[in-house]
């Protein structure tokens, strides 16, 4: 049923080892703890917020603020003074959470009271502690064995009720009309239940996308914005763009290769900074530099593509602002159409960006290898 949640959990399980290190890596600043590893045990006193990713995470000491946890197996055995955000395979909340809780996993068990709103999704969900606010619950199999003070929205194929189950507000129940779920009157009176078919549940796979008019408008706006940036690049730095054009014409694959090496150096450097722990604060800036350089390279490549088009088909040399704008618009339109091609579009985008980055690297660094 919950295919989107399975994708979320799978993504967490796939990327959690990337954050984990063979040995426990930890950094603390201003009461906030950042820790990753194959096995992470948080047992330091006086912590405020905790950010942790790994294979197994055990929150064993109370924290005053929020907990942000991603891993294969997550267990909170100490009180959380703020909100809890947990994404993984097996999630077990054993201690109270003072504020709200947002949980997504395969098997989720809640044994600690939730002081705010609860948002939980998984294949199996067991709520065995009270919720002071409202609750949004989605799962194949859901067990409700505690009181929910506010409204509740539950989407489930199988829903069971245990001792202490109660809903203080209204219940919106998404279930299979062919296998209706009977809700005991002791849980909530029938007049406060809104039953809806399971296919109408507000899950990711049932979200409605934008219509054709919105898609066309978005495409047009995107082309115009890209063309505006490319026009500025061509008009403000004509000599630089001419230099980049000459470099690409001398060797397109050479520019592409240098672009790949440049971005690999930046991204690899960011990962090494994280490994050193000391440089963890510099890592986001290096990644930001890589992102900005990729954007600049893409804009430059788009302009040069448009200049090539208008030169070949219009016998036009871009010297004035209107001519720069025409070249930029042609490049932006052609590049945007190519990027829309299923599967191949992404490779076109990456190739244009890396080619532009490589040309910039060659122009600035003037490498002599291979010349």
Protein backbone atom coordinates (compact mmCIF):
# COMPACT_ATOMS: atom_id res chain seq x y z
CA UNK A 1 0.00 0.00 0.00
CA UNK A 2 2.53 2.59 1.10
CA UNK A 3 4.92 2.43 -1.86
CA UNK A 4 6.08 6.01 -1.39
CA UNK A 5 7.03 5.26 2.22
CA UNK A 6 8.97 2.22 1.13
CA UNK A 7 10.95 4.46 -1.22
CA UNK A 8 11.66 6.89 1.62
CA UNK A 9 12.82 4.14 3.92
CA UNK A 10 14.90 2.61 1.15
CA UNK A 11 16.56 5.91 0.45
CA UNK A 12 17.41 6.31 4.12
CA UNK A 13 18.88 2.82 4.28
CA UNK A 14 20.87 3.42 1.13
CA UNK A 15 22.36 6.73 2.19
CA UNK A 16 22.80 6.13 5.91
CA UNK A 17 26.02 4.12 5.40
CA UNK A 18 27.42 7.04 3.40
CA UNK A 19 27.12 9.21 6.48
CA UNK A 20 28.37 6.50 8.78
CA UNK A 21 32.09 6.12 9.40
CA UNK A 22 34.01 3.00 10.44
CA UNK A 23 34.60 4.71 13.77
CA UNK A 24 32.33 7.04 15.59
CA UNK A 25 32.65 10.58 14.23
CA UNK A 26 31.37 13.26 16.54
CA UNK A 27 31.32 17.03 16.78
CA UNK A 28 29.70 19.25 19.38
CA UNK A 29 28.99 22.98 19.18
CA UNK A 30 26.86 25.12 21.46
CA UNK A 31 25.15 22.11 22.99
CA UNK A 32 24.30 20.63 19.58
CA UNK A 33 25.71 17.18 18.86
CA UNK A 34 26.55 15.98 15.33
CA UNK A 35 27.43 12.29 15.32
CA UNK A 36 27.63 9.55 12.69
CA UNK A 37 28.82 5.96 12.70
CA UNK A 38 27.84 2.34 12.20
CA UNK A 39 26.66 2.29 15.83
CA UNK A 40 25.81 5.62 17.47
CA UNK A 41 25.02 5.81 21.18
CA UNK A 42 24.10 9.26 22.45
CA UNK A 43 24.71 9.29 26.21
CA UNK A 44 26.26 12.71 26.86
CA UNK A 45 24.47 14.94 29.40
CA UNK A 46 23.40 18.53 28.80
CA UNK A 47 22.74 18.27 25.07
CA UNK A 48 20.28 20.49 23.24
CA UNK A 49 19.76 19.29 19.64
CA UNK A 50 21.06 16.02 18.22
CA UNK A 51 21.81 15.32 14.56
CA UNK A 52 22.76 11.71 13.91
CA UNK A 53 22.96 9.26 11.01
CA UNK A 54 24.22 5.68 10.96
CA UNK A 55 23.36 2.02 11.03
CA UNK A 56 22.03 1.86 14.59
CA UNK A 57 21.16 4.91 16.69
CA UNK A 58 20.44 4.74 20.41
CA UNK A 59 19.38 7.96 22.14
CA UNK A 60 20.20 7.05 25.73
CA UNK A 61 20.39 10.43 27.49
CA UNK A 62 17.78 13.21 27.73
CA UNK A 63 18.09 16.20 25.41
CA UNK A 64 16.53 19.64 25.79
CA UNK A 65 15.86 20.31 22.12
CA UNK A 66 15.05 18.35 18.97
CA UNK A 67 16.40 15.04 17.69
CA UNK A 68 17.08 14.54 13.96
CA UNK A 69 17.82 10.84 13.37
CA UNK A 70 18.31 8.74 10.22
CA UNK A 71 19.43 5.11 10.30
CA UNK A 72 18.58 1.46 9.92
CA UNK A 73 17.51 0.91 13.55
CA UNK A 74 16.53 3.84 15.77
CA UNK A 75 15.62 3.73 19.45
CA UNK A 76 14.95 6.64 21.78
CA UNK A 77 15.27 5.57 25.43
CA UNK A 78 15.48 9.05 26.99
CA UNK A 79 13.15 12.03 27.07
CA UNK A 80 13.25 14.53 24.21
CA UNK A 81 12.49 18.12 25.21
CA UNK A 82 11.68 19.27 21.68
CA UNK A 83 10.51 17.52 18.51
CA UNK A 84 11.58 14.17 17.12
CA UNK A 85 12.34 13.54 13.45
CA UNK A 86 13.25 9.91 12.73
CA UNK A 87 13.57 8.09 9.40
CA UNK A 88 14.77 4.49 9.09
CA UNK A 89 13.76 0.84 9.00
CA UNK A 90 12.90 -0.05 12.60
CA UNK A 91 11.91 2.88 14.82
CA UNK A 92 11.09 2.50 18.50
CA UNK A 93 10.11 5.47 20.65
CA UNK A 94 10.41 4.33 24.26
CA UNK A 95 10.55 7.70 26.04
CA UNK A 96 8.30 10.79 26.02
CA UNK A 97 8.60 13.48 23.36
CA UNK A 98 7.65 16.93 24.65
CA UNK A 99 6.71 18.40 21.25
CA UNK A 100 5.70 16.85 17.93
CA UNK A 101 7.04 13.68 16.30
CA UNK A 102 7.51 12.95 12.59
CA UNK A 103 8.39 9.32 11.88
CA UNK A 104 8.76 7.22 8.74
CA UNK A 105 10.01 3.65 8.55
CA UNK A 106 9.13 0.00 7.99
CA UNK A 107 8.18 -0.98 11.54
CA UNK A 108 7.34 1.90 13.89
CA UNK A 109 6.46 1.40 17.56
CA UNK A 110 5.55 4.31 19.84
CA UNK A 111 5.70 3.62 23.57
CA UNK A 112 6.50 7.14 24.78
CA UNK A 113 3.90 9.90 25.11
CA UNK A 114 3.84 12.55 22.37
CA UNK A 115 3.31 16.08 23.70
CA UNK A 116 2.36 17.63 20.34
CA UNK A 117 1.15 16.35 16.98
CA UNK A 118 2.11 12.93 15.63
CA UNK A 119 2.90 12.24 11.98
CA UNK A 120 3.88 8.63 11.32
CA UNK A 121 4.01 6.33 8.31
CA UNK A 122 5.27 2.78 7.88
CA UNK A 123 4.31 -0.72 6.87
CA UNK A 124 3.36 -1.56 10.44
CA UNK A 125 2.59 1.18 12.98
CA UNK A 126 1.83 0.58 16.66
CA UNK A 127 0.69 3.53 18.80
CA UNK A 128 0.73 2.50 22.46
CA UNK A 129 1.24 5.87 24.16
CA UNK A 130 -1.01 8.95 24.32
CA UNK A 131 -0.82 11.83 21.87
CA UNK A 132 -1.61 15.30 23.23
CA UNK A 133 -2.32 16.80 19.80
CA UNK A 134 -3.65 15.45 16.52
CA UNK A 135 -2.36 12.39 14.67
CA UNK A 136 -1.73 11.52 11.02
CA UNK A 137 -1.10 7.78 10.68
CA UNK A 138 -0.55 5.75 7.50
CA UNK A 139 0.39 2.09 7.23
CA UNK A 140 -0.59 -1.33 5.94
CA UNK A 141 -1.21 -2.54 9.49
CA UNK A 142 -2.00 0.00 12.21
CA UNK A 143 -2.54 -0.71 15.91
CA UNK A 144 -4.17 1.98 18.05
CA UNK A 145 -3.84 1.28 21.75
CA UNK A 146 -3.69 4.76 23.27
CA UNK A 147 -5.64 8.01 23.40
CA UNK A 148 -5.37 10.77 20.81
CA UNK A 149 -6.56 14.05 22.27
CA UNK A 150 -7.22 15.85 18.97
CA UNK A 151 -8.31 14.88 15.47
CA UNK A 152 -6.96 11.78 13.76
CA UNK A 153 -6.48 10.81 10.12
CA UNK A 154 -5.74 7.12 9.64
CA UNK A 155 -5.08 5.30 6.35
CA UNK A 156 -4.76 1.54 6.76
CA UNK A 157 -5.66 -1.80 5.25
CA UNK A 158 -5.86 -3.37 8.70
CA UNK A 159 -6.69 -1.35 11.82
CA UNK A 160 -6.91 -2.90 15.30
CA UNK A 161 -7.78 -1.28 18.61
CA UNK A 162 -6.25 -2.08 21.98
CA UNK A 163 -7.08 -1.18 25.54
CA UNK A 164 -7.03 2.58 26.09
CA UNK A 165 -7.70 3.50 22.46
CA UNK A 166 -9.66 6.74 22.19
CA UNK A 167 -9.94 9.72 19.85
CA UNK A 168 -11.00 13.06 21.31
CA UNK A 169 -11.67 14.89 18.04
CA UNK A 170 -12.89 13.72 14.64
CA UNK A 171 -11.61 10.65 12.83
CA UNK A 172 -11.01 10.62 9.08
CA UNK A 173 -10.63 6.95 8.20
CA UNK A 174 -9.28 5.81 4.82
CA UNK A 175 -10.02 2.12 4.26
CA UNK A 176 -11.07 -0.44 1.65
CA UNK A 177 -14.83 -0.11 1.04
CA UNK A 178 -15.00 -3.86 0.33
CA UNK A 179 -13.48 -4.60 3.76
CA UNK A 180 -14.87 -1.90 6.03
CA UNK A 181 -13.16 -1.31 9.36
CA UNK A 182 -15.40 -1.42 12.42
CA UNK A 183 -14.53 1.26 14.96
CA UNK A 184 -15.81 0.56 18.50
CA UNK A 185 -18.02 3.22 20.05
CA UNK A 186 -15.68 3.25 23.05
CA UNK A 187 -12.96 4.67 20.78
CA UNK A 188 -15.08 7.34 19.11
CA UNK A 189 -18.83 7.81 18.45
CA UNK A 190 -19.96 7.00 14.91
CA UNK A 191 -21.17 10.57 14.28
CA UNK A 192 -17.58 11.83 14.57
CA UNK A 193 -16.20 9.42 11.96
CA UNK A 194 -15.68 10.43 8.32
CA UNK A 195 -15.12 7.27 6.26
CA UNK A 196 -13.44 7.57 2.87
CA UNK A 197 -12.17 5.03 0.31
CA UNK A 198 -8.54 4.01 0.59
CA UNK A 199 -7.70 5.26 -2.91
CA UNK A 200 -8.53 8.80 -1.77
CA UNK A 201 -5.91 8.76 0.97
CA UNK A 202 -3.55 11.76 0.86
CA UNK A 203 -0.46 9.76 -0.04
CA UNK A 204 2.36 10.67 -2.40
CA UNK A 205 1.33 8.33 -5.19
CA UNK A 206 -2.11 9.99 -5.36
CA UNK A 207 -1.01 13.60 -5.48
CA UNK A 208 -2.25 15.42 -8.57
CA UNK A 209 0.40 17.06 -10.74
CA UNK A 210 0.15 20.39 -12.53
CA UNK A 211 -1.92 20.65 -15.67
CA UNK A 212 -0.67 21.27 -19.23
CA UNK A 213 -1.14 25.06 -18.98
CA UNK A 214 0.90 25.22 -15.76
CA UNK A 215 3.62 23.03 -17.28
CA UNK A 216 3.83 25.22 -20.39
CA UNK A 217 3.95 28.38 -18.30
CA UNK A 218 6.66 26.93 -16.08
CA UNK A 219 8.70 25.85 -19.12
CA UNK A 220 8.38 29.30 -20.71
CA UNK A 221 9.36 31.12 -17.54
CA UNK A 222 12.32 28.79 -17.06
CA UNK A 223 13.55 29.41 -20.61
CA UNK A 224 13.23 33.18 -20.20
CA UNK A 225 15.10 33.19 -16.87
CA UNK A 226 17.89 31.05 -18.31
CA UNK A 227 18.04 33.27 -21.39
CA UNK A 228 18.29 36.38 -19.19
CA UNK A 229 21.31 35.00 -17.32
CA UNK A 230 22.93 33.87 -20.57
CA UNK A 231 22.35 37.32 -22.10
CA UNK A 232 24.11 38.96 -19.15
CA UNK A 233 27.02 36.54 -19.51
CA UNK A 234 27.43 37.30 -23.19
CA UNK A 235 26.95 41.07 -22.90
CA UNK A 236 29.07 41.68 -19.79
CA UNK A 237 31.94 39.36 -20.65
CA UNK A 238 32.16 39.10 -24.44
CA UNK A 239 35.93 38.50 -24.46
CA UNK A 240 35.61 35.83 -21.79
CA UNK A 241 32.83 34.05 -23.68
CA UNK A 242 34.92 34.23 -26.86
CA UNK A 243 37.80 32.62 -24.97
CA UNK A 244 35.52 29.85 -23.69
CA UNK A 245 34.16 29.30 -27.19
CA UNK A 246 37.70 28.92 -28.57
CA UNK A 247 38.60 26.42 -25.82
CA UNK A 248 35.53 24.29 -26.50
CA UNK A 249 36.08 24.40 -30.25
CA UNK A 250 39.66 23.22 -29.73
CA UNK A 251 38.47 20.15 -27.88
CA UNK A 252 34.94 19.51 -26.62
CA UNK A 253 35.85 16.28 -24.87
CA UNK A 254 38.89 17.94 -23.32
CA UNK A 255 36.65 20.63 -21.81
CA UNK A 256 34.18 17.96 -20.65
CA UNK A 257 36.99 15.99 -19.01
CA UNK A 258 38.39 19.01 -17.19
CA UNK A 259 34.89 19.87 -16.01
CA UNK A 260 34.49 16.40 -14.56
CA UNK A 261 37.87 16.62 -12.79
CA UNK A 262 37.07 20.08 -11.39
CA UNK A 263 33.72 19.04 -9.93
CA UNK A 264 35.15 15.75 -8.66
CA UNK A 265 37.88 17.69 -6.86
CA UNK A 266 35.38 20.01 -5.18
CA UNK A 267 32.91 17.30 -4.17
CA UNK A 268 35.69 14.96 -3.05
CA UNK A 269 37.23 17.77 -1.04
CA UNK A 270 33.92 18.38 0.71
CA UNK A 271 33.72 14.70 1.70
CA UNK A 272 37.29 14.75 3.02
CA UNK A 273 36.50 17.83 5.09
CA UNK A 274 33.61 15.96 6.72
CA UNK A 275 35.87 12.99 7.48
CA UNK A 276 38.36 15.25 9.27
CA UNK A 277 35.55 16.45 11.60
CA UNK A 278 37.47 19.72 12.09
CA UNK A 279 36.57 20.92 8.61
CA UNK A 280 32.92 19.87 8.79
CA UNK A 281 31.79 23.52 8.80
CA UNK A 282 33.75 24.22 5.60
CA UNK A 283 32.19 21.33 3.73
CA UNK A 284 28.86 23.10 2.95
CA UNK A 285 30.74 26.07 1.49
CA UNK A 286 32.76 23.79 -0.79
CA UNK A 287 29.57 22.08 -1.96
CA UNK A 288 27.97 25.49 -2.50
CA UNK A 289 30.99 26.52 -4.59
CA UNK A 290 30.58 23.35 -6.66
CA UNK A 291 26.87 24.07 -7.16
CA UNK A 292 27.48 27.69 -8.17
CA UNK A 293 30.30 26.72 -10.53
CA UNK A 294 28.05 24.12 -12.14
CA UNK A 295 25.32 26.72 -12.63
CA UNK A 296 27.77 29.23 -14.14
CA UNK A 297 29.18 26.53 -16.41
CA UNK A 298 25.68 25.58 -17.56
CA UNK A 299 24.76 29.21 -18.34
CA UNK A 300 28.00 29.69 -20.27
CA UNK A 301 27.47 26.49 -22.25
CA UNK A 302 23.87 27.47 -23.03
CA UNK A 303 24.98 30.86 -24.38
CA UNK A 304 27.73 29.31 -26.50
CA UNK A 305 25.26 26.73 -27.82
CA UNK A 306 22.88 29.50 -28.85
CA UNK A 307 25.70 31.50 -30.41
CA UNK A 308 26.68 28.46 -32.44
CA UNK A 309 23.07 28.04 -33.59
CA UNK A 310 22.52 31.64 -34.72
CA UNK A 311 25.97 31.77 -36.32
CA UNK A 312 25.43 28.60 -38.32
CA UNK A 313 21.85 29.24 -39.37
CA UNK A 314 21.58 33.01 -39.31
CA UNK A 315 25.07 34.09 -40.29
CA UNK A 316 24.93 36.40 -37.26
CA UNK A 317 27.81 37.45 -35.03
CA UNK A 318 26.61 38.40 -31.56
CA UNK A 319 28.00 41.90 -31.04
CA UNK A 320 25.10 44.00 -29.77
CA UNK A 321 22.77 43.45 -26.81
CA UNK A 322 19.82 42.32 -29.00
CA UNK A 323 22.11 39.86 -30.78
CA UNK A 324 23.41 38.56 -27.44
CA UNK A 325 19.80 38.17 -26.30
CA UNK A 326 18.87 36.29 -29.49
CA UNK A 327 21.79 33.90 -29.07
CA UNK A 328 20.94 33.39 -25.40
CA UNK A 329 17.27 32.73 -26.16
CA UNK A 330 18.13 30.23 -28.89
CA UNK A 331 20.52 28.39 -26.57
CA UNK A 332 18.10 28.41 -23.64
CA UNK A 333 15.23 27.09 -25.77
CA UNK A 334 17.31 24.35 -27.40
CA UNK A 335 18.92 23.27 -24.12
CA UNK A 336 15.58 23.22 -22.29
CA UNK A 337 13.98 21.10 -25.03
CA UNK A 338 16.89 18.65 -24.97
CA UNK A 339 16.71 18.36 -21.17
CA UNK A 340 13.04 17.32 -21.47
CA UNK A 341 14.02 14.14 -23.35
CA UNK A 342 13.31 11.19 -21.03
CA UNK A 343 16.45 9.61 -19.54
CA UNK A 344 18.82 11.33 -22.01
CA UNK A 345 17.82 14.81 -20.86
CA UNK A 346 19.71 14.49 -17.58
CA UNK A 347 22.90 13.52 -19.41
CA UNK A 348 22.50 16.52 -21.72
CA UNK A 349 22.22 18.81 -18.70
CA UNK A 350 25.27 17.29 -17.01
CA UNK A 351 27.32 17.37 -20.22
CA UNK A 352 26.54 21.05 -20.85
CA UNK A 353 27.36 21.99 -17.26
CA UNK A 354 30.62 20.03 -17.15
CA UNK A 355 31.70 21.37 -20.54
CA UNK A 356 31.19 24.94 -19.37
CA UNK A 357 32.96 24.24 -16.07
CA UNK A 358 35.86 22.61 -17.89
CA UNK A 359 36.24 25.53 -20.27
CA UNK A 360 36.28 27.95 -17.31
CA UNK A 361 38.88 25.80 -15.52
CA UNK A 362 41.13 25.69 -18.59
CA UNK A 363 40.79 29.44 -19.14
CA UNK A 364 41.61 30.28 -15.50
CA UNK A 365 44.19 27.61 -14.65
CA UNK A 366 45.82 27.21 -18.09
CA UNK A 367 46.79 23.55 -17.59
CA UNK A 368 49.69 22.47 -19.75
CA UNK A 369 49.07 18.74 -19.57
CA UNK A 370 48.00 17.40 -22.92
CA UNK A 371 48.74 20.65 -24.77
